[in-house]
């Protein structure tokens, strides 16, 4: 993809070896980018960064509480010092809390909106402030979900939080276009990640049921999402701004 070589990228929520965050960091590195991987799990995210370094890529891992403003300042400063000025931000940190609204605790609702929504707000704000003040241009890709487009039982907080990410993306795209800053979102469908596995009571049976709903007949792979994210971050997507790119094997086309 054009325009990714030597670009500096931050990818949040990148600790899981089978997650979208790590797959994205690896794809960007393969395209020539210098990558900061962040996660609240420092040991795990440093392991992922070390894996990339062992393959010959430039990558660092940083402990990061993405709900905390000061933690964002540290991530940006450390990235600038070790890799260079920021060019690409991928907001991927997320959790899923499943419950009917009538049964949901307020604390779970708030945590879901914070981890999925507030983290994206803070990341977008610090990146756009950095670029506007320096005159640099950049690209943000927010990882939303098909849950921002269609509702699902037990998904009230998750759907609401990802819907917030969708509209945050569109507003930021409008506000920052005149500065040469692009903001887009990727909307994964059912994907083979640890988050999905943790949410299933009977993984084998439920996975078969999910596959039957998807026209493509399979779950998404983290690499599918990483390819879409890398595209939106690249110069090949230079005229994409405020785009919601759905990657779901045809699920929401029905």
C-alpha atoms as a PDB file:
ATOM      1  CA  UNK A   1       0.000   0.000   0.000  1.00  0.00           C
ATOM      2  CA  UNK A   2       1.251   3.480  -0.825  1.00  0.00           C
ATOM      3  CA  UNK A   3       2.455   5.911   1.788  1.00  0.00           C
ATOM      4  CA  UNK A   4       3.023   3.691   4.824  1.00  0.00           C
ATOM      5  CA  UNK A   5       6.787   3.239   4.631  1.00  0.00           C
ATOM      6  CA  UNK A   6       8.582   5.088   7.448  1.00  0.00           C
ATOM      7  CA  UNK A   7       5.298   6.412   8.846  1.00  0.00           C
ATOM      8  CA  UNK A   8       4.959   6.354  12.643  1.00  0.00           C
ATOM      9  CA  UNK A   9       1.862   4.619  13.976  1.00  0.00           C
ATOM     10  CA  UNK A  10       0.296   4.051  17.385  1.00  0.00           C
ATOM     11  CA  UNK A  11      -2.011   1.049  17.801  1.00  0.00           C
ATOM     12  CA  UNK A  12      -3.929   0.698  21.069  1.00  0.00           C
ATOM     13  CA  UNK A  13      -5.241  -2.545  22.530  1.00  0.00           C
ATOM     14  CA  UNK A  14      -2.424  -4.518  20.920  1.00  0.00           C
ATOM     15  CA  UNK A  15      -1.494  -7.060  23.615  1.00  0.00           C
ATOM     16  CA  UNK A  16      -3.447 -10.120  22.495  1.00  0.00           C
ATOM     17  CA  UNK A  17      -1.517 -12.409  20.122  1.00  0.00           C
ATOM     18  CA  UNK A  18      -4.789 -13.230  18.324  1.00  0.00           C
ATOM     19  CA  UNK A  19      -6.343  -9.768  18.412  1.00  0.00           C
ATOM     20  CA  UNK A  20      -7.101  -7.109  15.834  1.00  0.00           C
ATOM     21  CA  UNK A  21      -4.656  -4.696  17.470  1.00  0.00           C
ATOM     22  CA  UNK A  22      -1.601  -6.902  17.117  1.00  0.00           C
ATOM     23  CA  UNK A  23      -2.615  -8.018  13.628  1.00  0.00           C
ATOM     24  CA  UNK A  24      -2.863  -4.352  12.652  1.00  0.00           C
ATOM     25  CA  UNK A  25       0.493  -3.457  14.180  1.00  0.00           C
ATOM     26  CA  UNK A  26       2.085  -6.345  12.303  1.00  0.00           C
ATOM     27  CA  UNK A  27       0.465  -5.404   8.986  1.00  0.00           C
ATOM     28  CA  UNK A  28       1.567  -1.782   9.319  1.00  0.00           C
ATOM     29  CA  UNK A  29       5.093  -2.937  10.161  1.00  0.00           C
ATOM     30  CA  UNK A  30       5.092  -5.224   7.119  1.00  0.00           C
ATOM     31  CA  UNK A  31       4.156  -2.198   5.022  1.00  0.00           C
ATOM     32  CA  UNK A  32       7.195  -0.343   6.375  1.00  0.00           C
ATOM     33  CA  UNK A  33       5.697   1.651   9.245  1.00  0.00           C
ATOM     34  CA  UNK A  34       7.341   2.184  12.633  1.00  0.00           C
ATOM     35  CA  UNK A  35       4.873   1.045  15.255  1.00  0.00           C
ATOM     36  CA  UNK A  36       4.069   1.747  18.898  1.00  0.00           C
ATOM     37  CA  UNK A  37       1.907  -0.973  20.426  1.00  0.00           C
ATOM     38  CA  UNK A  38       0.037   0.006  23.580  1.00  0.00           C
ATOM     39  CA  UNK A  39      -2.079  -1.823  26.108  1.00  0.00           C
ATOM     40  CA  UNK A  40      -2.923  -1.753  29.791  1.00  0.00           C
ATOM     41  CA  UNK A  41      -1.166  -5.153  29.979  1.00  0.00           C
ATOM     42  CA  UNK A  42       2.445  -3.996  29.750  1.00  0.00           C
ATOM     43  CA  UNK A  43       4.118  -7.401  29.862  1.00  0.00           C
ATOM     44  CA  UNK A  44       1.962  -8.783  27.059  1.00  0.00           C
ATOM     45  CA  UNK A  45       2.234  -5.746  24.804  1.00  0.00           C
ATOM     46  CA  UNK A  46       6.008  -5.693  25.192  1.00  0.00           C
ATOM     47  CA  UNK A  47       6.043  -9.366  24.179  1.00  0.00           C
ATOM     48  CA  UNK A  48       4.132  -8.488  21.014  1.00  0.00           C
ATOM     49  CA  UNK A  49       6.515  -5.616  20.241  1.00  0.00           C
ATOM     50  CA  UNK A  50       9.481  -7.924  20.826  1.00  0.00           C
ATOM     51  CA  UNK A  51       8.006 -10.411  18.349  1.00  0.00           C
ATOM     52  CA  UNK A  52       7.923  -7.692  15.711  1.00  0.00           C
ATOM     53  CA  UNK A  53      11.474  -6.604  16.497  1.00  0.00           C
ATOM     54  CA  UNK A  54      12.636 -10.212  16.141  1.00  0.00           C
ATOM     55  CA  UNK A  55      11.209 -10.152  12.617  1.00  0.00           C
ATOM     56  CA  UNK A  56      13.275  -7.067  11.837  1.00  0.00           C
ATOM     57  CA  UNK A  57      10.636  -4.373  12.300  1.00  0.00           C
ATOM     58  CA  UNK A  58      10.910  -1.222  14.397  1.00  0.00           C
ATOM     59  CA  UNK A  59       8.372  -1.486  17.197  1.00  0.00           C
ATOM     60  CA  UNK A  60       8.011  -0.511  20.835  1.00  0.00           C
ATOM     61  CA  UNK A  61       5.516  -1.557  23.493  1.00  0.00           C
ATOM     62  CA  UNK A  62       4.161   0.917  26.046  1.00  0.00           C
ATOM     63  CA  UNK A  63       1.963   0.407  29.097  1.00  0.00           C
ATOM     64  CA  UNK A  64      -1.111   2.513  28.470  1.00  0.00           C
ATOM     65  CA  UNK A  65      -4.320   3.173  30.347  1.00  0.00           C
ATOM     66  CA  UNK A  66      -6.214   4.622  27.398  1.00  0.00           C
ATOM     67  CA  UNK A  67      -8.869   6.178  29.655  1.00  0.00           C
ATOM     68  CA  UNK A  68      -6.210   8.361  31.300  1.00  0.00           C
ATOM     69  CA  UNK A  69      -5.168  11.667  29.699  1.00  0.00           C
ATOM     70  CA  UNK A  70      -1.684  11.647  31.223  1.00  0.00           C
ATOM     71  CA  UNK A  71      -1.102   8.149  29.890  1.00  0.00           C
ATOM     72  CA  UNK A  72      -1.888   9.390  26.379  1.00  0.00           C
ATOM     73  CA  UNK A  73       0.625  12.220  26.802  1.00  0.00           C
ATOM     74  CA  UNK A  74       3.272   9.670  27.785  1.00  0.00           C
ATOM     75  CA  UNK A  75       2.502   7.450  24.793  1.00  0.00           C
ATOM     76  CA  UNK A  76       2.767  10.364  22.374  1.00  0.00           C
ATOM     77  CA  UNK A  77       5.981  11.707  23.923  1.00  0.00           C
ATOM     78  CA  UNK A  78       7.636   8.285  24.067  1.00  0.00           C
ATOM     79  CA  UNK A  79       6.661   7.533  20.481  1.00  0.00           C
ATOM     80  CA  UNK A  80       8.020  10.872  19.313  1.00  0.00           C
ATOM     81  CA  UNK A  81      11.277  10.314  21.177  1.00  0.00           C
ATOM     82  CA  UNK A  82      11.899   6.743  20.007  1.00  0.00           C
ATOM     83  CA  UNK A  83      10.289   6.556  16.572  1.00  0.00           C
ATOM     84  CA  UNK A  84       9.454  10.095  15.463  1.00  0.00           C
ATOM     85  CA  UNK A  85       6.403  12.345  15.074  1.00  0.00           C
ATOM     86  CA  UNK A  86       3.034  10.616  14.877  1.00  0.00           C
ATOM     87  CA  UNK A  87       1.490   9.963  11.456  1.00  0.00           C
ATOM     88  CA  UNK A  88      -1.157   7.288  12.122  1.00  0.00           C
ATOM     89  CA  UNK A  89      -3.371   6.480  15.097  1.00  0.00           C
ATOM     90  CA  UNK A  90      -5.429   3.287  15.371  1.00  0.00           C
ATOM     91  CA  UNK A  91      -7.895   3.358  18.268  1.00  0.00           C
ATOM     92  CA  UNK A  92      -8.570  -0.317  18.948  1.00  0.00           C
ATOM     93  CA  UNK A  93      -8.834  -0.700  22.745  1.00  0.00           C
ATOM     94  CA  UNK A  94     -12.180  -2.278  23.640  1.00  0.00           C
ATOM     95  CA  UNK A  95     -14.107  -4.547  25.981  1.00  0.00           C
ATOM     96  CA  UNK A  96     -17.499  -6.247  25.751  1.00  0.00           C
ATOM     97  CA  UNK A  97     -19.960  -6.431  28.648  1.00  0.00           C
ATOM     98  CA  UNK A  98     -23.002  -8.559  27.867  1.00  0.00           C
ATOM     99  CA  UNK A  99     -26.264  -8.015  29.736  1.00  0.00           C
ATOM    100  CA  UNK A 100     -29.847  -6.974  29.215  1.00  0.00           C
ATOM    101  CA  UNK A 101     -30.208  -3.270  29.942  1.00  0.00           C
ATOM    102  CA  UNK A 102     -32.699  -4.039  32.719  1.00  0.00           C
ATOM    103  CA  UNK A 103     -30.045  -6.131  34.488  1.00  0.00           C
ATOM    104  CA  UNK A 104     -26.986  -3.990  33.785  1.00  0.00           C
ATOM    105  CA  UNK A 105     -25.096  -2.263  36.576  1.00  0.00           C
ATOM    106  CA  UNK A 106     -24.368   1.427  36.076  1.00  0.00           C
ATOM    107  CA  UNK A 107     -20.687   0.726  36.692  1.00  0.00           C
ATOM    108  CA  UNK A 108     -20.613  -1.761  33.795  1.00  0.00           C
ATOM    109  CA  UNK A 109     -22.385   0.716  31.507  1.00  0.00           C
ATOM    110  CA  UNK A 110     -19.919   3.472  32.353  1.00  0.00           C
ATOM    111  CA  UNK A 111     -16.892   1.207  31.994  1.00  0.00           C
ATOM    112  CA  UNK A 112     -18.061   0.031  28.566  1.00  0.00           C
ATOM    113  CA  UNK A 113     -18.535   3.582  27.294  1.00  0.00           C
ATOM    114  CA  UNK A 114     -15.217   4.649  28.788  1.00  0.00           C
ATOM    115  CA  UNK A 115     -13.084   1.827  27.387  1.00  0.00           C
ATOM    116  CA  UNK A 116     -14.719   1.809  23.954  1.00  0.00           C
ATOM    117  CA  UNK A 117     -15.762   5.435  23.546  1.00  0.00           C
ATOM    118  CA  UNK A 118     -13.758   7.738  25.809  1.00  0.00           C
ATOM    119  CA  UNK A 119     -10.482   6.110  24.804  1.00  0.00           C
ATOM    120  CA  UNK A 120     -11.218   6.897  21.154  1.00  0.00           C
ATOM    121  CA  UNK A 121     -12.134  10.479  22.069  1.00  0.00           C
ATOM    122  CA  UNK A 122      -8.901  10.995  24.007  1.00  0.00           C
ATOM    123  CA  UNK A 123      -6.772   9.437  21.293  1.00  0.00           C
ATOM    124  CA  UNK A 124      -8.395  11.436  18.522  1.00  0.00           C
ATOM    125  CA  UNK A 125      -8.147  14.641  20.511  1.00  0.00           C
ATOM    126  CA  UNK A 126      -4.457  14.336  21.320  1.00  0.00           C
ATOM    127  CA  UNK A 127      -3.568  13.302  17.761  1.00  0.00           C
ATOM    128  CA  UNK A 128      -5.540  16.069  16.063  1.00  0.00           C
ATOM    129  CA  UNK A 129      -4.196  18.667  18.500  1.00  0.00           C
ATOM    130  CA  UNK A 130      -0.664  17.497  17.731  1.00  0.00           C
ATOM    131  CA  UNK A 131      -1.167  17.661  13.984  1.00  0.00           C
ATOM    132  CA  UNK A 132      -3.052  20.961  13.943  1.00  0.00           C
ATOM    133  CA  UNK A 133      -0.445  22.694  16.109  1.00  0.00           C
ATOM    134  CA  UNK A 134       2.493  21.369  14.074  1.00  0.00           C
ATOM    135  CA  UNK A 135       0.927  21.694  10.637  1.00  0.00           C
ATOM    136  CA  UNK A 136       1.483  17.987   9.991  1.00  0.00           C
ATOM    137  CA  UNK A 137      -1.158  15.800   8.395  1.00  0.00           C
ATOM    138  CA  UNK A 138      -2.195  12.395   9.671  1.00  0.00           C
ATOM    139  CA  UNK A 139      -4.705   9.579   9.554  1.00  0.00           C
ATOM    140  CA  UNK A 140      -6.860   8.084  12.295  1.00  0.00           C
ATOM    141  CA  UNK A 141      -8.650   4.752  12.040  1.00  0.00           C
ATOM    142  CA  UNK A 142     -11.148   4.007  14.788  1.00  0.00           C
ATOM    143  CA  UNK A 143     -12.117   0.369  15.250  1.00  0.00           C
ATOM    144  CA  UNK A 144     -15.871   0.338  15.708  1.00  0.00           C
ATOM    145  CA  UNK A 145     -18.069  -2.712  15.017  1.00  0.00           C
ATOM    146  CA  UNK A 146     -21.079  -3.899  13.085  1.00  0.00           C
ATOM    147  CA  UNK A 147     -22.697  -3.435  16.509  1.00  0.00           C
ATOM    148  CA  UNK A 148     -22.672   0.281  15.711  1.00  0.00           C
ATOM    149  CA  UNK A 149     -24.935  -0.455  12.729  1.00  0.00           C
ATOM    150  CA  UNK A 150     -27.282  -3.213  13.921  1.00  0.00           C
ATOM    151  CA  UNK A 151     -28.519  -4.016  17.425  1.00  0.00           C
ATOM    152  CA  UNK A 152     -28.189  -7.300  19.257  1.00  0.00           C
ATOM    153  CA  UNK A 153     -29.649  -8.747  22.425  1.00  0.00           C
ATOM    154  CA  UNK A 154     -27.357  -8.370  25.462  1.00  0.00           C
ATOM    155  CA  UNK A 155     -25.379  -5.746  23.540  1.00  0.00           C
ATOM    156  CA  UNK A 156     -26.892  -2.499  24.793  1.00  0.00           C
ATOM    157  CA  UNK A 157     -23.723  -0.987  26.224  1.00  0.00           C
ATOM    158  CA  UNK A 158     -21.486  -2.390  23.502  1.00  0.00           C
ATOM    159  CA  UNK A 159     -23.752  -1.172  20.690  1.00  0.00           C
ATOM    160  CA  UNK A 160     -24.066   2.256  22.307  1.00  0.00           C
ATOM    161  CA  UNK A 161     -20.313   2.596  22.779  1.00  0.00           C
ATOM    162  CA  UNK A 162     -19.495   1.544  19.221  1.00  0.00           C
ATOM    163  CA  UNK A 163     -22.244   3.801  17.883  1.00  0.00           C
ATOM    164  CA  UNK A 164     -20.492   6.636  19.687  1.00  0.00           C
ATOM    165  CA  UNK A 165     -17.243   5.722  17.936  1.00  0.00           C
ATOM    166  CA  UNK A 166     -18.995   5.789  14.550  1.00  0.00           C
ATOM    167  CA  UNK A 167     -20.396   9.284  15.030  1.00  0.00           C
ATOM    168  CA  UNK A 168     -17.230  10.589  16.711  1.00  0.00           C
ATOM    169  CA  UNK A 169     -15.377   9.502  13.584  1.00  0.00           C
ATOM    170  CA  UNK A 170     -17.729  11.339  11.249  1.00  0.00           C
ATOM    171  CA  UNK A 171     -17.673  14.565  13.256  1.00  0.00           C
ATOM    172  CA  UNK A 172     -13.880  14.506  13.461  1.00  0.00           C
ATOM    173  CA  UNK A 173     -13.636  13.878   9.717  1.00  0.00           C
ATOM    174  CA  UNK A 174     -15.660  17.014   9.026  1.00  0.00           C
ATOM    175  CA  UNK A 175     -13.813  19.138  11.576  1.00  0.00           C
ATOM    176  CA  UNK A 176     -10.326  18.125  10.440  1.00  0.00           C
ATOM    177  CA  UNK A 177     -10.613  17.809   6.660  1.00  0.00           C
ATOM    178  CA  UNK A 178      -9.397  21.372   6.154  1.00  0.00           C
ATOM    179  CA  UNK A 179      -6.228  20.458   8.059  1.00  0.00           C
ATOM    180  CA  UNK A 180      -5.473  17.507   5.789  1.00  0.00           C
ATOM    181  CA  UNK A 181      -6.332  15.043   8.554  1.00  0.00           C
ATOM    182  CA  UNK A 182      -8.420  11.986   7.680  1.00  0.00           C
ATOM    183  CA  UNK A 183     -10.560  10.098  10.214  1.00  0.00           C
ATOM    184  CA  UNK A 184     -12.252   6.832   9.257  1.00  0.00           C
ATOM    185  CA  UNK A 185     -13.690   3.788  10.977  1.00  0.00           C
ATOM    186  CA  UNK A 186     -13.552   0.041  10.399  1.00  0.00           C
ATOM    187  CA  UNK A 187     -16.518  -2.081  11.455  1.00  0.00           C
ATOM    188  CA  UNK A 188     -15.568  -5.719  12.045  1.00  0.00           C
ATOM    189  CA  UNK A 189     -18.200  -8.404  12.087  1.00  0.00           C
ATOM    190  CA  UNK A 190     -17.763 -11.673  13.977  1.00  0.00           C
ATOM    191  CA  UNK A 191     -13.987 -12.151  14.209  1.00  0.00           C
ATOM    192  CA  UNK A 192     -11.778 -14.909  15.636  1.00  0.00           C
ATOM    193  CA  UNK A 193     -10.385 -13.060  18.647  1.00  0.00           C
ATOM    194  CA  UNK A 194      -9.962 -13.747  22.342  1.00  0.00           C
ATOM    195  CA  UNK A 195     -12.812 -11.315  23.026  1.00  0.00           C
ATOM    196  CA  UNK A 196     -15.198 -13.425  20.972  1.00  0.00           C
ATOM    197  CA  UNK A 197     -13.989 -16.662  22.525  1.00  0.00           C
ATOM    198  CA  UNK A 198     -14.455 -15.294  26.031  1.00  0.00           C
ATOM    199  CA  UNK A 199     -18.056 -14.336  25.240  1.00  0.00           C
ATOM    200  CA  UNK A 200     -19.176 -17.820  24.144  1.00  0.00           C
ATOM    201  CA  UNK A 201     -20.491 -20.392  26.616  1.00  0.00           C
ATOM    202  CA  UNK A 202     -20.272 -23.232  24.073  1.00  0.00           C
ATOM    203  CA  UNK A 203     -17.639 -22.072  21.561  1.00  0.00           C
ATOM    204  CA  UNK A 204     -17.927 -24.964  19.099  1.00  0.00           C
ATOM    205  CA  UNK A 205     -21.712 -24.941  18.818  1.00  0.00           C
ATOM    206  CA  UNK A 206     -22.084 -21.174  18.932  1.00  0.00           C
ATOM    207  CA  UNK A 207     -19.331 -20.626  16.367  1.00  0.00           C
ATOM    208  CA  UNK A 208     -21.158 -22.952  13.979  1.00  0.00           C
ATOM    209  CA  UNK A 209     -24.355 -20.963  14.520  1.00  0.00           C
ATOM    210  CA  UNK A 210     -22.557 -17.691  13.848  1.00  0.00           C
ATOM    211  CA  UNK A 211     -20.935 -18.997  10.656  1.00  0.00           C
ATOM    212  CA  UNK A 212     -24.365 -20.005   9.383  1.00  0.00           C
ATOM    213  CA  UNK A 213     -25.451 -16.358   9.604  1.00  0.00           C
ATOM    214  CA  UNK A 214     -22.548 -15.056   7.504  1.00  0.00           C
ATOM    215  CA  UNK A 215     -22.840 -15.278   3.694  1.00  0.00           C
ATOM    216  CA  UNK A 216     -19.082 -15.860   3.421  1.00  0.00           C
ATOM    217  CA  UNK A 217     -19.513 -18.936   5.623  1.00  0.00           C
ATOM    218  CA  UNK A 218     -16.670 -18.157   7.993  1.00  0.00           C
ATOM    219  CA  UNK A 219     -15.612 -15.895  10.813  1.00  0.00           C
ATOM    220  CA  UNK A 220     -13.412 -12.954  10.057  1.00  0.00           C
ATOM    221  CA  UNK A 221      -9.714 -13.254  10.804  1.00  0.00           C
ATOM    222  CA  UNK A 222      -7.840 -10.450  12.580  1.00  0.00           C
ATOM    223  CA  UNK A 223      -5.731 -10.144   9.431  1.00  0.00           C
ATOM    224  CA  UNK A 224      -8.877  -9.268   7.451  1.00  0.00           C
ATOM    225  CA  UNK A 225      -9.464  -6.312   9.754  1.00  0.00           C
ATOM    226  CA  UNK A 226      -5.799  -5.348   9.731  1.00  0.00           C
ATOM    227  CA  UNK A 227      -5.825  -5.134   5.934  1.00  0.00           C
ATOM    228  CA  UNK A 228      -8.820  -2.792   5.993  1.00  0.00           C
ATOM    229  CA  UNK A 229      -7.252  -0.627   8.685  1.00  0.00           C
ATOM    230  CA  UNK A 230      -3.938  -0.432   6.837  1.00  0.00           C
ATOM    231  CA  UNK A 231      -5.768   0.588   3.664  1.00  0.00           C
ATOM    232  CA  UNK A 232      -7.579   3.462   5.409  1.00  0.00           C
ATOM    233  CA  UNK A 233      -4.304   4.594   6.980  1.00  0.00           C
ATOM    234  CA  UNK A 234      -2.505   4.556   3.630  1.00  0.00           C
ATOM    235  CA  UNK A 235      -2.319   7.038   0.780  1.00  0.00           C
ATOM    236  CA  UNK A 236      -4.431   4.631  -1.275  1.00  0.00           C
ATOM    237  CA  UNK A 237      -7.355   5.913   0.825  1.00  0.00           C
ATOM    238  CA  UNK A 238      -6.463   9.579   0.355  1.00  0.00           C
ATOM    239  CA  UNK A 239     -10.046  10.510  -0.589  1.00  0.00           C
ATOM    240  CA  UNK A 240     -11.662   8.456   2.185  1.00  0.00           C
ATOM    241  CA  UNK A 241     -12.748  10.635   5.088  1.00  0.00           C
ATOM    242  CA  UNK A 242     -15.578   9.847   7.472  1.00  0.00           C
ATOM    243  CA  UNK A 243     -15.851   6.453   5.797  1.00  0.00           C
ATOM    244  CA  UNK A 244     -17.349   3.533   7.731  1.00  0.00           C
ATOM    245  CA  UNK A 245     -15.728   0.454   6.184  1.00  0.00           C
ATOM    246  CA  UNK A 246     -17.681  -2.685   7.072  1.00  0.00           C
ATOM    247  CA  UNK A 247     -15.681  -5.936   7.094  1.00  0.00           C
ATOM    248  CA  UNK A 248     -18.162  -8.678   7.958  1.00  0.00           C
ATOM    249  CA  UNK A 249     -18.347 -11.258   5.176  1.00  0.00           C
ATOM    250  CA  UNK A 250     -21.692  -9.883   4.027  1.00  0.00           C
ATOM    251  CA  UNK A 251     -23.461 -10.198   7.391  1.00  0.00           C
ATOM    252  CA  UNK A 252     -25.059  -6.744   7.391  1.00  0.00           C
ATOM    253  CA  UNK A 253     -25.810  -6.824   3.655  1.00  0.00           C
ATOM    254  CA  UNK A 254     -28.740  -9.148   4.325  1.00  0.00           C
END
